[in-house]
């Protein structure tokens, strides 16, 4: 028994006294392993940005758990140079073979953003889910890298107040039910900016000058959007300062001349712009450029978080806003009326699943199968007018179109539609209404 207990790792807080995690064996005090120690990870894969907070987490994992740390930094199009993250990880003692920096932009747009946009997904009718849709991909790679490196845990820097902790962890458990997840913000006592800076200074973690004061707001960014929250944005009764917007010009300062672009679709996905076929990430990048120039895609939203509280965020989704309107435009001529209506009824549930972190759930996959089926003929071209913060569909055409000019024309339709058919149609539709009206007259 003593040999077995000797193999159990200890934490830095020292041994507990007898009676508090200890027992006597043949008159000798023998330390008992705590539940935390019995499940203590040996190697952890950390979602690492290279910023101050995740650098503190990296060092905290090393100090608190005494474990080997693997860092994973994803390029999702956030527009930042990622090599500094490698240098910082090396400076903090991470072996070169344990540093993973990957360009996931194409996979992000192709396998996550585009499937979501086939559904026209908007949480609470407005939010295009830019942060939400990035988390399942990051979690997927965390779990895959853990398997590749023999790690038994993953870690993230999400706080205990937000949605991201839920998204990261639900995705991780769906992909590996045995994985351990370490969420430092729910464990440590570094609950203030002062304590974080003190920890950083005590462990020789470089602190940028602009990090010593209070940050005006926090930012999350990827190829789909930029999200800004906190500090100057916490009072929803105050208009957000214009400096918060980083991805779009102010609509009032946008060009005074509208710009027209054409977006081509195949099976519900954008495949080209202005006659040029492009990769998914390139399409979204170019649409972002158009949206930035014309001040498109700004959103000031108070949303209901999954954890229960309300939060105010400033979102910028320039390319996504153009893409959503264009996609609805091509659907309008290629999808059946009742199919569109059913899809629109399901959209809020689909969006909520993504927002709440259930990308890898069976219900999301079931809805995705239905949505993808609906997109079989969503192929064609949409012309968009971009002007002063707005993206408008002004023309659309497709070989798969259900639109019949012969039937809807106000001119002679040459028998394409028999207007007398409408009388019987209306009589049948009105039958139950007439029966109800006659019944109700008796009880007035």
Protein backbone atom coordinates (compact mmCIF):
# COMPACT_ATOMS: atom_id res chain seq x y z
CA UNK A 1 0.00 0.00 0.00
CA UNK A 2 2.82 2.40 0.91
CA UNK A 3 4.47 1.77 -2.48
CA UNK A 4 1.22 2.50 -4.28
CA UNK A 5 0.68 5.71 -2.34
CA UNK A 6 4.22 6.85 -3.05
CA UNK A 7 3.42 6.92 -6.76
CA UNK A 8 0.61 9.42 -6.31
CA UNK A 9 1.77 12.93 -7.30
CA UNK A 10 1.56 15.70 -4.75
CA UNK A 11 0.50 19.29 -5.21
CA UNK A 12 2.52 22.31 -4.23
CA UNK A 13 0.43 23.15 -1.17
CA UNK A 14 2.23 20.56 0.99
CA UNK A 15 1.02 17.47 2.86
CA UNK A 16 -2.22 17.60 4.83
CA UNK A 17 -2.07 16.77 8.55
CA UNK A 18 -3.32 13.48 9.91
CA UNK A 19 -7.09 13.50 9.95
CA UNK A 20 -7.23 15.82 6.93
CA UNK A 21 -6.48 13.60 3.98
CA UNK A 22 -4.26 11.22 6.05
CA UNK A 23 -4.55 7.97 8.06
CA UNK A 24 -2.35 5.78 10.24
CA UNK A 25 -0.83 2.52 9.02
CA UNK A 26 1.05 0.52 11.72
CA UNK A 27 1.37 3.68 13.77
CA UNK A 28 2.78 5.72 10.89
CA UNK A 29 0.95 8.65 9.34
CA UNK A 30 0.25 7.79 5.71
CA UNK A 31 -0.93 10.54 3.40
CA UNK A 32 -4.13 9.79 1.47
CA UNK A 33 -4.51 11.06 -2.07
CA UNK A 34 -7.13 13.71 -2.56
CA UNK A 35 -9.64 13.38 -5.37
CA UNK A 36 -7.84 16.14 -7.24
CA UNK A 37 -4.51 14.36 -6.97
CA UNK A 38 -5.92 11.05 -8.15
CA UNK A 39 -7.19 12.72 -11.31
CA UNK A 40 -4.23 15.07 -11.74
CA UNK A 41 -3.23 15.21 -15.43
CA UNK A 42 0.24 14.38 -16.62
CA UNK A 43 0.09 16.31 -19.89
CA UNK A 44 -2.30 19.12 -20.89
CA UNK A 45 -3.05 20.64 -24.30
CA UNK A 46 -3.76 24.35 -23.82
CA UNK A 47 -5.66 26.55 -26.26
CA UNK A 48 -2.97 29.23 -26.40
CA UNK A 49 -3.17 32.67 -27.99
CA UNK A 50 0.21 33.94 -26.83
CA UNK A 51 -1.49 36.78 -24.96
CA UNK A 52 -1.04 37.64 -21.32
CA UNK A 53 -4.00 35.66 -19.96
CA UNK A 54 -3.17 32.36 -21.68
CA UNK A 55 0.52 32.82 -20.87
CA UNK A 56 -0.43 33.11 -17.22
CA UNK A 57 -2.57 29.99 -17.59
CA UNK A 58 0.36 28.14 -19.17
CA UNK A 59 2.62 28.93 -16.22
CA UNK A 60 -0.17 28.28 -13.72
CA UNK A 61 -0.67 24.77 -15.14
CA UNK A 62 3.04 24.09 -14.77
CA UNK A 63 3.13 25.40 -11.19
CA UNK A 64 -0.21 24.17 -9.91
CA UNK A 65 -0.31 20.74 -11.54
CA UNK A 66 3.36 20.12 -12.23
CA UNK A 67 2.37 18.75 -15.61
CA UNK A 68 3.80 18.94 -19.11
CA UNK A 69 2.03 21.52 -21.28
CA UNK A 70 1.38 21.38 -25.03
CA UNK A 71 0.25 24.61 -26.67
CA UNK A 72 -2.16 24.86 -29.59
CA UNK A 73 -2.60 28.14 -31.46
CA UNK A 74 -5.14 28.25 -34.28
CA UNK A 75 -5.11 30.68 -37.18
CA UNK A 76 -8.81 31.25 -37.79
CA UNK A 77 -8.26 34.50 -39.62
CA UNK A 78 -8.02 36.74 -36.55
CA UNK A 79 -5.50 38.88 -38.42
CA UNK A 80 -2.65 38.54 -35.93
CA UNK A 81 0.90 37.30 -36.43
CA UNK A 82 1.10 33.94 -34.68
CA UNK A 83 4.85 33.31 -34.63
CA UNK A 84 5.24 35.45 -31.48
CA UNK A 85 3.08 32.84 -29.75
CA UNK A 86 5.70 30.20 -30.59
CA UNK A 87 8.53 32.32 -29.20
CA UNK A 88 6.61 33.10 -26.04
CA UNK A 89 5.75 29.43 -25.48
CA UNK A 90 9.41 28.50 -25.90
CA UNK A 91 10.41 31.22 -23.46
CA UNK A 92 7.98 29.73 -20.92
CA UNK A 93 9.66 26.35 -21.21
CA UNK A 94 7.54 24.56 -23.80
CA UNK A 95 9.46 22.09 -25.95
CA UNK A 96 9.41 22.90 -29.70
CA UNK A 97 7.71 19.57 -30.45
CA UNK A 98 4.93 20.53 -28.03
CA UNK A 99 4.07 23.78 -29.83
CA UNK A 100 1.30 23.49 -32.44
CA UNK A 101 0.44 26.47 -34.65
CA UNK A 102 -1.99 25.66 -37.46
CA UNK A 103 -3.70 27.54 -40.27
CA UNK A 104 -7.33 26.37 -40.05
CA UNK A 105 -8.97 29.10 -42.10
CA UNK A 106 -10.12 26.90 -44.98
CA UNK A 107 -11.42 24.17 -42.70
CA UNK A 108 -13.14 26.78 -40.53
CA UNK A 109 -15.08 28.31 -43.41
CA UNK A 110 -15.69 25.10 -45.39
CA UNK A 111 -16.75 22.77 -42.58
CA UNK A 112 -18.22 25.12 -39.99
CA UNK A 113 -19.16 28.57 -41.34
CA UNK A 114 -20.66 27.41 -44.65
CA UNK A 115 -22.84 24.63 -43.15
CA UNK A 116 -24.15 27.18 -40.63
CA UNK A 117 -24.91 29.72 -43.35
CA UNK A 118 -26.89 27.13 -45.31
CA UNK A 119 -29.32 27.41 -42.40
CA UNK A 120 -29.28 31.25 -42.38
CA UNK A 121 -28.58 30.86 -38.66
CA UNK A 122 -29.00 33.91 -36.43
CA UNK A 123 -29.19 33.67 -32.66
CA UNK A 124 -32.06 35.72 -31.23
CA UNK A 125 -32.78 36.87 -34.76
CA UNK A 126 -29.63 39.00 -35.11
CA UNK A 127 -26.32 37.44 -34.06
CA UNK A 128 -24.43 35.58 -36.80
CA UNK A 129 -22.64 33.32 -34.26
CA UNK A 130 -19.09 34.31 -35.16
CA UNK A 131 -17.54 33.30 -31.83
CA UNK A 132 -19.84 30.33 -31.26
CA UNK A 133 -18.98 28.56 -34.52
CA UNK A 134 -15.21 28.78 -33.95
CA UNK A 135 -15.24 26.87 -30.66
CA UNK A 136 -16.09 23.39 -31.96
CA UNK A 137 -13.16 23.48 -34.40
CA UNK A 138 -10.72 24.60 -31.70
CA UNK A 139 -12.03 21.88 -29.40
CA UNK A 140 -11.71 19.30 -32.16
CA UNK A 141 -8.04 20.08 -32.65
CA UNK A 142 -7.39 20.20 -28.89
CA UNK A 143 -8.73 16.66 -28.55
CA UNK A 144 -6.90 15.44 -31.67
CA UNK A 145 -3.59 16.92 -30.50
CA UNK A 146 -4.12 15.37 -27.07
CA UNK A 147 -4.43 11.97 -28.77
CA UNK A 148 -1.36 12.63 -30.93
CA UNK A 149 0.83 13.70 -28.00
CA UNK A 150 -0.46 11.31 -25.35
CA UNK A 151 -2.01 14.11 -23.29
CA UNK A 152 -4.81 13.22 -20.89
CA UNK A 153 -6.30 16.71 -20.50
CA UNK A 154 -7.10 19.92 -22.35
CA UNK A 155 -7.38 23.46 -21.01
CA UNK A 156 -8.94 26.73 -22.11
CA UNK A 157 -8.96 30.35 -20.97
CA UNK A 158 -12.72 30.93 -20.89
CA UNK A 159 -14.13 32.48 -17.73
CA UNK A 160 -16.83 30.99 -15.52
CA UNK A 161 -19.33 33.67 -16.54
CA UNK A 162 -19.45 33.13 -20.28
CA UNK A 163 -20.65 30.76 -22.95
CA UNK A 164 -17.24 29.69 -24.26
CA UNK A 165 -16.49 27.42 -21.29
CA UNK A 166 -19.64 25.47 -22.16
CA UNK A 167 -18.83 25.31 -25.86
CA UNK A 168 -15.25 24.16 -25.37
CA UNK A 169 -16.11 21.50 -22.84
CA UNK A 170 -19.27 20.07 -24.43
CA UNK A 171 -17.39 19.72 -27.71
CA UNK A 172 -14.42 18.06 -25.99
CA UNK A 173 -16.61 15.55 -24.16
CA UNK A 174 -18.55 14.75 -27.32
CA UNK A 175 -15.30 13.91 -29.12
CA UNK A 176 -13.56 12.13 -26.22
CA UNK A 177 -15.74 11.25 -23.21
CA UNK A 178 -12.65 10.37 -21.15
CA UNK A 179 -10.81 13.66 -21.63
CA UNK A 180 -10.15 15.85 -18.59
CA UNK A 181 -10.83 19.56 -18.93
CA UNK A 182 -9.05 22.17 -16.82
CA UNK A 183 -10.71 25.59 -16.61
CA UNK A 184 -8.31 27.79 -14.58
CA UNK A 185 -10.75 30.69 -14.26
CA UNK A 186 -13.02 28.37 -12.25
CA UNK A 187 -10.18 27.13 -10.05
CA UNK A 188 -7.59 29.77 -9.29
CA UNK A 189 -7.71 32.74 -6.94
CA UNK A 190 -6.38 35.20 -9.54
CA UNK A 191 -9.68 36.99 -9.70
CA UNK A 192 -8.45 40.49 -10.47
CA UNK A 193 -6.19 42.20 -12.99
CA UNK A 194 -3.84 43.12 -10.13
CA UNK A 195 -3.43 39.50 -9.05
CA UNK A 196 -2.86 38.38 -12.63
CA UNK A 197 -0.12 40.97 -13.09
CA UNK A 198 1.47 40.02 -9.78
CA UNK A 199 1.52 36.36 -10.84
CA UNK A 200 3.02 37.30 -14.20
CA UNK A 201 5.75 39.38 -12.60
CA UNK A 202 6.54 36.67 -10.04
CA UNK A 203 7.08 34.14 -12.86
CA UNK A 204 8.89 36.42 -15.33
CA UNK A 205 6.05 36.54 -17.84
CA UNK A 206 6.50 39.61 -20.06
CA UNK A 207 3.78 42.23 -19.67
CA UNK A 208 3.14 44.69 -22.46
CA UNK A 209 2.85 48.29 -21.29
CA UNK A 210 -0.73 48.54 -22.49
CA UNK A 211 -1.66 45.52 -20.38
CA UNK A 212 -0.76 47.12 -17.04
CA UNK A 213 -3.82 49.33 -17.02
CA UNK A 214 -7.42 48.31 -17.35
CA UNK A 215 -8.24 47.12 -20.88
CA UNK A 216 -11.07 49.24 -22.34
CA UNK A 217 -12.85 46.12 -23.64
CA UNK A 218 -12.09 42.53 -24.60
CA UNK A 219 -11.95 41.32 -28.20
CA UNK A 220 -12.41 37.96 -29.89
CA UNK A 221 -11.76 37.79 -33.62
CA UNK A 222 -11.72 35.30 -36.47
CA UNK A 223 -12.32 35.36 -40.21
CA UNK A 224 -16.10 35.58 -39.72
CA UNK A 225 -16.35 38.35 -37.15
CA UNK A 226 -15.00 40.51 -34.35
CA UNK A 227 -16.68 40.51 -30.94
CA UNK A 228 -16.09 43.24 -28.34
CA UNK A 229 -17.40 43.05 -24.77
CA UNK A 230 -16.89 44.45 -21.28
CA UNK A 231 -15.64 47.64 -19.62
CA UNK A 232 -16.81 50.64 -21.69
CA UNK A 233 -19.53 48.45 -23.23
CA UNK A 234 -21.07 47.12 -20.03
CA UNK A 235 -23.76 49.82 -19.77
CA UNK A 236 -26.29 49.09 -22.54
CA UNK A 237 -27.78 52.57 -22.05
CA UNK A 238 -24.59 54.16 -23.41
CA UNK A 239 -23.75 54.20 -27.12
CA UNK A 240 -20.58 52.30 -27.93
CA UNK A 241 -17.60 54.55 -28.73
CA UNK A 242 -16.70 54.50 -32.38
CA UNK A 243 -13.16 53.25 -31.59
CA UNK A 244 -14.69 49.91 -30.57
CA UNK A 245 -15.38 49.14 -34.22
CA UNK A 246 -12.22 47.70 -35.74
CA UNK A 247 -13.35 45.82 -38.83
CA UNK A 248 -15.62 48.33 -40.58
CA UNK A 249 -15.59 52.01 -41.44
CA UNK A 250 -18.44 54.07 -40.06
CA UNK A 251 -21.34 53.82 -42.53
CA UNK A 252 -21.49 57.62 -42.69
CA UNK A 253 -17.87 57.65 -43.86
CA UNK A 254 -18.36 54.89 -46.45
CA UNK A 255 -18.14 55.73 -50.17
CA UNK A 256 -20.92 57.89 -51.56
CA UNK A 257 -21.15 55.66 -54.63
CA UNK A 258 -22.69 52.17 -54.33
CA UNK A 259 -20.75 49.12 -55.43
CA UNK A 260 -22.21 46.04 -57.11
CA UNK A 261 -20.85 42.52 -56.77
CA UNK A 262 -22.06 39.12 -57.94
CA UNK A 263 -21.84 36.02 -55.74
CA UNK A 264 -22.17 32.55 -57.24
CA UNK A 265 -23.64 29.64 -55.27
CA UNK A 266 -23.62 25.87 -55.69
CA UNK A 267 -25.75 23.70 -53.40
CA UNK A 268 -26.09 26.52 -50.92
CA UNK A 269 -22.40 27.44 -50.65
CA UNK A 270 -20.71 30.46 -52.18
CA UNK A 271 -18.17 29.35 -54.79
CA UNK A 272 -17.17 32.56 -56.56
CA UNK A 273 -17.28 36.35 -56.72
CA UNK A 274 -17.65 38.37 -59.92
CA UNK A 275 -17.14 35.32 -62.12
CA UNK A 276 -13.98 34.08 -60.39
CA UNK A 277 -14.11 30.76 -58.53
CA UNK A 278 -12.45 31.00 -55.12
CA UNK A 279 -11.79 28.86 -52.05
CA UNK A 280 -14.16 29.22 -49.07
CA UNK A 281 -11.71 31.23 -46.94
CA UNK A 282 -10.80 33.46 -49.87
CA UNK A 283 -14.47 34.19 -50.55
CA UNK A 284 -15.08 35.23 -46.96
CA UNK A 285 -11.89 37.30 -46.93
CA UNK A 286 -12.95 39.19 -50.06
CA UNK A 287 -16.48 39.72 -48.75
CA UNK A 288 -14.96 41.10 -45.54
CA UNK A 289 -13.02 43.60 -47.62
CA UNK A 290 -16.19 44.74 -49.40
CA UNK A 291 -18.07 44.94 -46.13
CA UNK A 292 -15.30 46.86 -44.37
CA UNK A 293 -15.18 49.43 -47.16
CA UNK A 294 -18.94 50.04 -47.06
CA UNK A 295 -19.48 49.88 -43.29
CA UNK A 296 -21.58 46.71 -43.45
CA UNK A 297 -22.20 44.25 -40.64
CA UNK A 298 -22.24 46.26 -37.40
CA UNK A 299 -24.41 44.99 -34.57
CA UNK A 300 -24.97 46.28 -31.01
CA UNK A 301 -26.70 43.43 -29.19
CA UNK A 302 -27.88 42.56 -25.68
CA UNK A 303 -28.14 38.79 -25.74
CA UNK A 304 -29.21 36.07 -23.35
CA UNK A 305 -26.20 33.92 -22.48
CA UNK A 306 -26.65 30.18 -22.05
CA UNK A 307 -25.45 30.47 -18.44
CA UNK A 308 -28.40 32.74 -17.70
CA UNK A 309 -27.23 36.36 -17.60
CA UNK A 310 -27.69 39.10 -20.16
CA UNK A 311 -24.61 40.56 -21.85
CA UNK A 312 -23.97 43.40 -24.27
CA UNK A 313 -21.66 42.87 -27.22
CA UNK A 314 -20.55 44.80 -30.29
CA UNK A 315 -20.23 42.49 -33.28
CA UNK A 316 -18.80 43.17 -36.71
CA UNK A 317 -19.54 40.58 -39.39
CA UNK A 318 -19.02 42.40 -42.70
CA UNK A 319 -18.56 39.48 -45.09
CA UNK A 320 -21.05 37.28 -43.25
CA UNK A 321 -23.77 39.91 -43.47
CA UNK A 322 -23.33 40.15 -47.24
CA UNK A 323 -23.24 36.37 -47.54
CA UNK A 324 -26.42 35.87 -45.50
CA UNK A 325 -28.46 38.29 -47.60
CA UNK A 326 -27.07 36.84 -50.83
CA UNK A 327 -27.85 33.29 -49.72
CA UNK A 328 -31.43 34.23 -48.90
CA UNK A 329 -31.62 35.86 -52.31
CA UNK A 330 -30.69 32.70 -54.21
CA UNK A 331 -32.94 30.58 -51.99
CA UNK A 332 -35.89 32.81 -52.87
CA UNK A 333 -35.95 31.62 -56.48
CA UNK A 334 -34.66 28.04 -56.10
CA UNK A 335 -36.48 26.69 -53.01
CA UNK A 336 -40.11 25.69 -52.65
CA UNK A 337 -42.26 27.96 -50.49
CA UNK A 338 -43.11 25.37 -47.85
CA UNK A 339 -39.52 24.11 -47.73
CA UNK A 340 -38.31 27.65 -47.04
CA UNK A 341 -40.94 28.15 -44.36
CA UNK A 342 -40.08 24.88 -42.61
CA UNK A 343 -36.39 25.74 -42.72
CA UNK A 344 -37.09 29.18 -41.26
CA UNK A 345 -39.07 27.58 -38.44
CA UNK A 346 -36.16 25.30 -37.59
CA UNK A 347 -33.48 27.98 -37.85
CA UNK A 348 -33.86 29.42 -34.30
CA UNK A 349 -33.44 25.95 -32.80
CA UNK A 350 -30.42 25.25 -34.99
CA UNK A 351 -28.86 28.60 -34.08
CA UNK A 352 -29.49 28.00 -30.38
CA UNK A 353 -27.72 24.63 -30.55
CA UNK A 354 -24.61 26.28 -31.99
CA UNK A 355 -24.75 29.15 -29.52
CA UNK A 356 -25.09 26.76 -26.58
CA UNK A 357 -22.21 24.52 -27.66
CA UNK A 358 -24.02 21.52 -29.13
CA UNK A 359 -22.36 21.45 -32.55
CA UNK A 360 -21.47 17.77 -32.11
CA UNK A 361 -24.89 16.77 -30.78
CA UNK A 362 -27.12 14.32 -32.67
CA UNK A 363 -29.92 16.88 -32.92
CA UNK A 364 -27.65 19.42 -34.66
CA UNK A 365 -26.47 16.73 -37.07
CA UNK A 366 -30.07 15.71 -37.77
CA UNK A 367 -31.04 19.30 -38.51
CA UNK A 368 -27.93 19.69 -40.68
CA UNK A 369 -28.99 16.72 -42.79
CA UNK A 370 -32.39 18.33 -43.37
CA UNK A 371 -30.82 21.71 -44.15
CA UNK A 372 -28.31 20.21 -46.57
CA UNK A 373 -31.12 18.35 -48.34
CA UNK A 374 -32.91 21.67 -48.82
CA UNK A 375 -29.85 23.11 -50.58
CA UNK A 376 -29.66 20.60 -53.45
CA UNK A 377 -30.95 23.15 -55.98
CA UNK A 378 -29.72 26.36 -54.29
CA UNK A 379 -27.43 27.12 -57.19
CA UNK A 380 -27.14 30.36 -59.15
CA UNK A 381 -25.93 33.95 -58.96
CA UNK A 382 -26.97 36.95 -56.85
CA UNK A 383 -26.13 40.58 -57.54
CA UNK A 384 -25.62 42.66 -54.39
CA UNK A 385 -25.69 46.44 -53.97
CA UNK A 386 -23.36 47.63 -51.21
CA UNK A 387 -23.92 51.13 -49.90
CA UNK A 388 -23.57 53.00 -46.60
CA UNK A 389 -23.85 50.04 -44.23
CA UNK A 390 -26.39 48.08 -46.27
CA UNK A 391 -26.13 44.98 -48.44
CA UNK A 392 -29.16 44.57 -50.69
CA UNK A 393 -30.11 41.90 -53.22
CA UNK A 394 -30.95 43.63 -56.48
CA UNK A 395 -30.95 40.69 -58.91
CA UNK A 396 -30.78 36.88 -58.87
CA UNK A 397 -30.86 34.16 -61.54
CA UNK A 398 -30.46 30.40 -61.75
CA UNK A 399 -30.93 27.44 -64.06
CA UNK A 400 -32.65 25.81 -61.06
CA UNK A 401 -35.12 28.66 -60.66
CA UNK A 402 -38.76 28.00 -59.73
CA UNK A 403 -39.71 31.49 -60.81
CA UNK A 404 -42.01 31.54 -63.87
CA UNK A 405 -42.35 34.90 -65.53
CA UNK A 406 -45.05 33.46 -67.81
CA UNK A 407 -47.24 32.73 -64.79
CA UNK A 408 -46.74 35.92 -62.81
CA UNK A 409 -46.82 38.44 -65.68
CA UNK A 410 -49.47 41.17 -65.72
CA UNK A 411 -49.51 40.86 -69.48
CA UNK A 412 -51.09 38.08 -71.54
CA UNK A 413 -49.85 34.76 -70.13
CA UNK A 414 -51.01 32.63 -73.09
CA UNK A 415 -52.83 30.21 -70.78
CA UNK A 416 -49.87 29.52 -68.46
CA UNK A 417 -52.14 30.19 -65.49
CA UNK A 418 -55.95 29.79 -65.39
CA UNK A 419 -57.24 32.45 -63.02
CA UNK A 420 -60.60 30.73 -62.65
CA UNK A 421 -58.82 27.94 -60.72
CA UNK A 422 -58.43 30.37 -57.83
CA UNK A 423 -62.16 30.36 -57.08
CA UNK A 424 -62.29 26.71 -56.04
CA UNK A 425 -59.02 27.07 -54.17
CA UNK A 426 -60.40 29.98 -52.13
CA UNK A 427 -63.69 28.18 -51.46
CA UNK A 428 -61.89 25.16 -50.03
CA UNK A 429 -59.49 27.26 -47.97
CA UNK A 430 -62.39 29.32 -46.64
CA UNK A 431 -64.67 26.40 -45.77
CA UNK A 432 -63.50 25.98 -42.16
CA UNK A 433 -63.55 29.73 -41.60
CA UNK A 434 -67.16 29.92 -42.74
CA UNK A 435 -68.12 27.01 -40.51
CA UNK A 436 -66.45 28.69 -37.53
CA UNK A 437 -68.16 32.01 -38.28
CA UNK A 438 -71.61 30.36 -38.49
CA UNK A 439 -71.03 28.52 -35.19
CA UNK A 440 -69.84 31.65 -33.40
CA UNK A 441 -72.88 33.69 -34.47
CA UNK A 442 -75.10 31.40 -32.38
CA UNK A 443 -73.32 32.32 -29.14
CA UNK A 444 -72.94 36.09 -29.47
